[in-house]
Amino acid sequence: MIGRLWRGWTTTEDADAYEELLRTRILPGIHLVAGYRGAYLLRCDVDEEVEFTTLTFFESMDAVRAFAGEEYEVAVVPPEARQLLTRFDEKSAHHEVVEGPVLATAC
């Protein structure tokens, strides 16, 4: 199992809209990728901005590539998300999951 870690920041005014976009459009769209196994969405208010961290799970690096392409480290940030973000990690970090809560499995 691979964990893909990425962060993006919004203004406090855009934070709720960005969270809604993630919950209703972006994360549900990833469910279509074979090998996707779920995600955590984290939110932290820091001074006058809001930091969002996504930790998505994939069954293998092949599944990560199916989502992100051959240059899998490059962040996948749709145009509608870019409009709400003030800055974001240009690259995602990838880690082997060695222990954690039970994640969704294929049916």
C-alpha atoms as a PDB file:
ATOM      1  CA  MET A   1       0.000   0.000   0.000  1.00  0.00           C
ATOM      2  CA  ILE A   2       1.279   3.470  -0.926  1.00  0.00           C
ATOM      3  CA  GLY A   3       0.351   6.708   0.865  1.00  0.00           C
ATOM      4  CA  ARG A   4       0.496   9.860  -1.286  1.00  0.00           C
ATOM      5  CA  LEU A   5       0.908  13.010   0.821  1.00  0.00           C
ATOM      6  CA  TRP A   6       0.200  16.517  -0.486  1.00  0.00           C
ATOM      7  CA  ARG A   7      -0.565  19.973   0.988  1.00  0.00           C
ATOM      8  CA  GLY A   8      -2.271  23.102  -0.275  1.00  0.00           C
ATOM      9  CA  TRP A   9      -3.196  26.420   1.348  1.00  0.00           C
ATOM     10  CA  THR A  10      -6.161  28.761   0.935  1.00  0.00           C
ATOM     11  CA  THR A  11      -7.287  32.031   2.433  1.00  0.00           C
ATOM     12  CA  THR A  12      -9.726  31.697   5.319  1.00  0.00           C
ATOM     13  CA  GLU A  13     -12.393  33.125   2.995  1.00  0.00           C
ATOM     14  CA  ASP A  14     -11.878  30.361   0.392  1.00  0.00           C
ATOM     15  CA  ALA A  15     -11.328  27.455   2.789  1.00  0.00           C
ATOM     16  CA  ASP A  16     -14.932  26.231   2.980  1.00  0.00           C
ATOM     17  CA  ALA A  17     -15.328  26.401  -0.795  1.00  0.00           C
ATOM     18  CA  TYR A  18     -12.100  24.462  -1.301  1.00  0.00           C
ATOM     19  CA  GLU A  19     -13.092  21.824   1.234  1.00  0.00           C
ATOM     20  CA  GLU A  20     -16.462  21.447  -0.500  1.00  0.00           C
ATOM     21  CA  LEU A  21     -14.716  21.054  -3.871  1.00  0.00           C
ATOM     22  CA  LEU A  22     -12.472  18.343  -2.450  1.00  0.00           C
ATOM     23  CA  ARG A  23     -15.345  16.481  -0.791  1.00  0.00           C
ATOM     24  CA  THR A  24     -17.836  16.633  -3.650  1.00  0.00           C
ATOM     25  CA  ARG A  25     -15.787  16.604  -6.855  1.00  0.00           C
ATOM     26  CA  ILE A  26     -12.087  15.895  -6.531  1.00  0.00           C
ATOM     27  CA  LEU A  27     -11.919  13.019  -4.045  1.00  0.00           C
ATOM     28  CA  PRO A  28     -15.000  11.214  -5.444  1.00  0.00           C
ATOM     29  CA  GLY A  29     -13.400  11.397  -8.890  1.00  0.00           C
ATOM     30  CA  ILE A  30     -10.341   9.523  -7.658  1.00  0.00           C
ATOM     31  CA  HIS A  31     -12.606   6.583  -6.752  1.00  0.00           C
ATOM     32  CA  LEU A  32     -12.688   5.809 -10.487  1.00  0.00           C
ATOM     33  CA  VAL A  33      -8.972   4.976 -10.489  1.00  0.00           C
ATOM     34  CA  ALA A  34      -8.254   1.249 -10.256  1.00  0.00           C
ATOM     35  CA  GLY A  35      -6.223   0.577  -7.127  1.00  0.00           C
ATOM     36  CA  TYR A  36      -7.406   3.661  -5.183  1.00  0.00           C
ATOM     37  CA  ARG A  37      -8.040   2.682  -1.571  1.00  0.00           C
ATOM     38  CA  GLY A  38      -9.321   5.820   0.172  1.00  0.00           C
ATOM     39  CA  ALA A  39      -8.108   9.082   1.644  1.00  0.00           C
ATOM     40  CA  TYR A  40      -7.805  11.261   4.690  1.00  0.00           C
ATOM     41  CA  LEU A  41      -8.521  14.976   4.350  1.00  0.00           C
ATOM     42  CA  LEU A  42      -6.943  17.124   7.062  1.00  0.00           C
ATOM     43  CA  ARG A  43      -7.599  20.817   7.707  1.00  0.00           C
ATOM     44  CA  CYS A  44      -5.643  23.205   9.933  1.00  0.00           C
ATOM     45  CA  ASP A  45      -6.304  26.928  10.453  1.00  0.00           C
ATOM     46  CA  VAL A  46      -2.952  28.716  10.656  1.00  0.00           C
ATOM     47  CA  ASP A  47      -3.012  32.473  11.207  1.00  0.00           C
ATOM     48  CA  GLU A  48      -4.761  33.986   8.182  1.00  0.00           C
ATOM     49  CA  GLU A  49      -4.684  30.920   5.964  1.00  0.00           C
ATOM     50  CA  VAL A  50      -5.902  27.345   6.032  1.00  0.00           C
ATOM     51  CA  GLU A  51      -3.683  24.363   5.304  1.00  0.00           C
ATOM     52  CA  PHE A  52      -5.201  21.254   3.749  1.00  0.00           C
ATOM     53  CA  THR A  53      -3.368  17.948   3.721  1.00  0.00           C
ATOM     54  CA  THR A  54      -4.523  14.999   1.681  1.00  0.00           C
ATOM     55  CA  LEU A  55      -3.259  11.505   2.297  1.00  0.00           C
ATOM     56  CA  THR A  56      -4.520   9.226  -0.438  1.00  0.00           C
ATOM     57  CA  PHE A  57      -3.961   5.490  -0.519  1.00  0.00           C
ATOM     58  CA  PHE A  58      -3.207   3.311  -3.537  1.00  0.00           C
ATOM     59  CA  GLU A  59      -2.569  -0.422  -3.682  1.00  0.00           C
ATOM     60  CA  SER A  60       0.676   0.015  -5.652  1.00  0.00           C
ATOM     61  CA  MET A  61       2.905   2.461  -7.499  1.00  0.00           C
ATOM     62  CA  ASP A  62       1.202   1.296 -10.704  1.00  0.00           C
ATOM     63  CA  ALA A  63      -2.095   2.555  -9.241  1.00  0.00           C
ATOM     64  CA  VAL A  64      -0.405   5.868  -8.325  1.00  0.00           C
ATOM     65  CA  ARG A  65       0.775   6.171 -11.928  1.00  0.00           C
ATOM     66  CA  ALA A  66      -2.745   5.382 -13.182  1.00  0.00           C
ATOM     67  CA  PHE A  67      -3.898   8.405 -11.164  1.00  0.00           C
ATOM     68  CA  ALA A  68      -0.994  10.838 -11.616  1.00  0.00           C
ATOM     69  CA  GLY A  69       0.766   9.710 -14.790  1.00  0.00           C
ATOM     70  CA  GLU A  70       4.368   8.685 -15.392  1.00  0.00           C
ATOM     71  CA  GLU A  71       5.645  11.810 -13.609  1.00  0.00           C
ATOM     72  CA  TYR A  72       3.721  10.616 -10.557  1.00  0.00           C
ATOM     73  CA  GLU A  73       5.491  12.927  -8.090  1.00  0.00           C
ATOM     74  CA  VAL A  74       4.040  16.027  -9.771  1.00  0.00           C
ATOM     75  CA  ALA A  75       0.974  17.295  -7.895  1.00  0.00           C
ATOM     76  CA  VAL A  76      -2.405  16.723  -9.541  1.00  0.00           C
ATOM     77  CA  VAL A  77      -4.254  20.025  -9.012  1.00  0.00           C
ATOM     78  CA  PRO A  78      -7.299  20.678 -11.220  1.00  0.00           C
ATOM     79  CA  PRO A  79      -7.863  24.239 -12.520  1.00  0.00           C
ATOM     80  CA  GLU A  80     -10.889  24.827 -10.262  1.00  0.00           C
ATOM     81  CA  ALA A  81      -8.743  23.962  -7.231  1.00  0.00           C
ATOM     82  CA  ARG A  82      -5.905  26.224  -8.360  1.00  0.00           C
ATOM     83  CA  GLN A  83      -8.349  29.142  -8.361  1.00  0.00           C
ATOM     84  CA  LEU A  84      -8.980  28.655  -4.634  1.00  0.00           C
ATOM     85  CA  LEU A  85      -5.433  27.864  -3.513  1.00  0.00           C
ATOM     86  CA  THR A  86      -2.873  30.523  -2.630  1.00  0.00           C
ATOM     87  CA  ARG A  87      -0.023  27.992  -2.849  1.00  0.00           C
ATOM     88  CA  PHE A  88       0.541  24.254  -2.865  1.00  0.00           C
ATOM     89  CA  ASP A  89       3.197  21.561  -2.887  1.00  0.00           C
ATOM     90  CA  GLU A  90       4.414  21.147  -6.464  1.00  0.00           C
ATOM     91  CA  LYS A  91       5.231  17.512  -5.749  1.00  0.00           C
ATOM     92  CA  SER A  92       3.556  14.810  -3.703  1.00  0.00           C
ATOM     93  CA  ALA A  93       5.489  12.539  -1.350  1.00  0.00           C
ATOM     94  CA  HIS A  94       4.997   8.780  -1.522  1.00  0.00           C
ATOM     95  CA  HIS A  95       5.470   6.384   1.379  1.00  0.00           C
ATOM     96  CA  GLU A  96       4.968   2.681   1.841  1.00  0.00           C
ATOM     97  CA  VAL A  97       2.235   2.116   4.426  1.00  0.00           C
ATOM     98  CA  VAL A  98       3.633  -0.309   6.992  1.00  0.00           C
ATOM     99  CA  GLU A  99       0.797  -0.075   9.522  1.00  0.00           C
ATOM    100  CA  GLY A 100      -2.470   1.789   9.946  1.00  0.00           C
ATOM    101  CA  PRO A 101      -6.206   1.453  10.237  1.00  0.00           C
ATOM    102  CA  VAL A 102      -7.987  -0.968   7.969  1.00  0.00           C
ATOM    103  CA  LEU A 103      -8.379   0.598   4.519  1.00  0.00           C
ATOM    104  CA  ALA A 104     -11.016  -0.126   1.901  1.00  0.00           C
ATOM    105  CA  THR A 105     -10.383  -3.263  -0.099  1.00  0.00           C
ATOM    106  CA  ALA A 106     -11.465  -4.212  -3.585  1.00  0.00           C
ATOM    107  CA  CYS A 107     -14.807  -5.961  -3.902  1.00  0.00           C
END
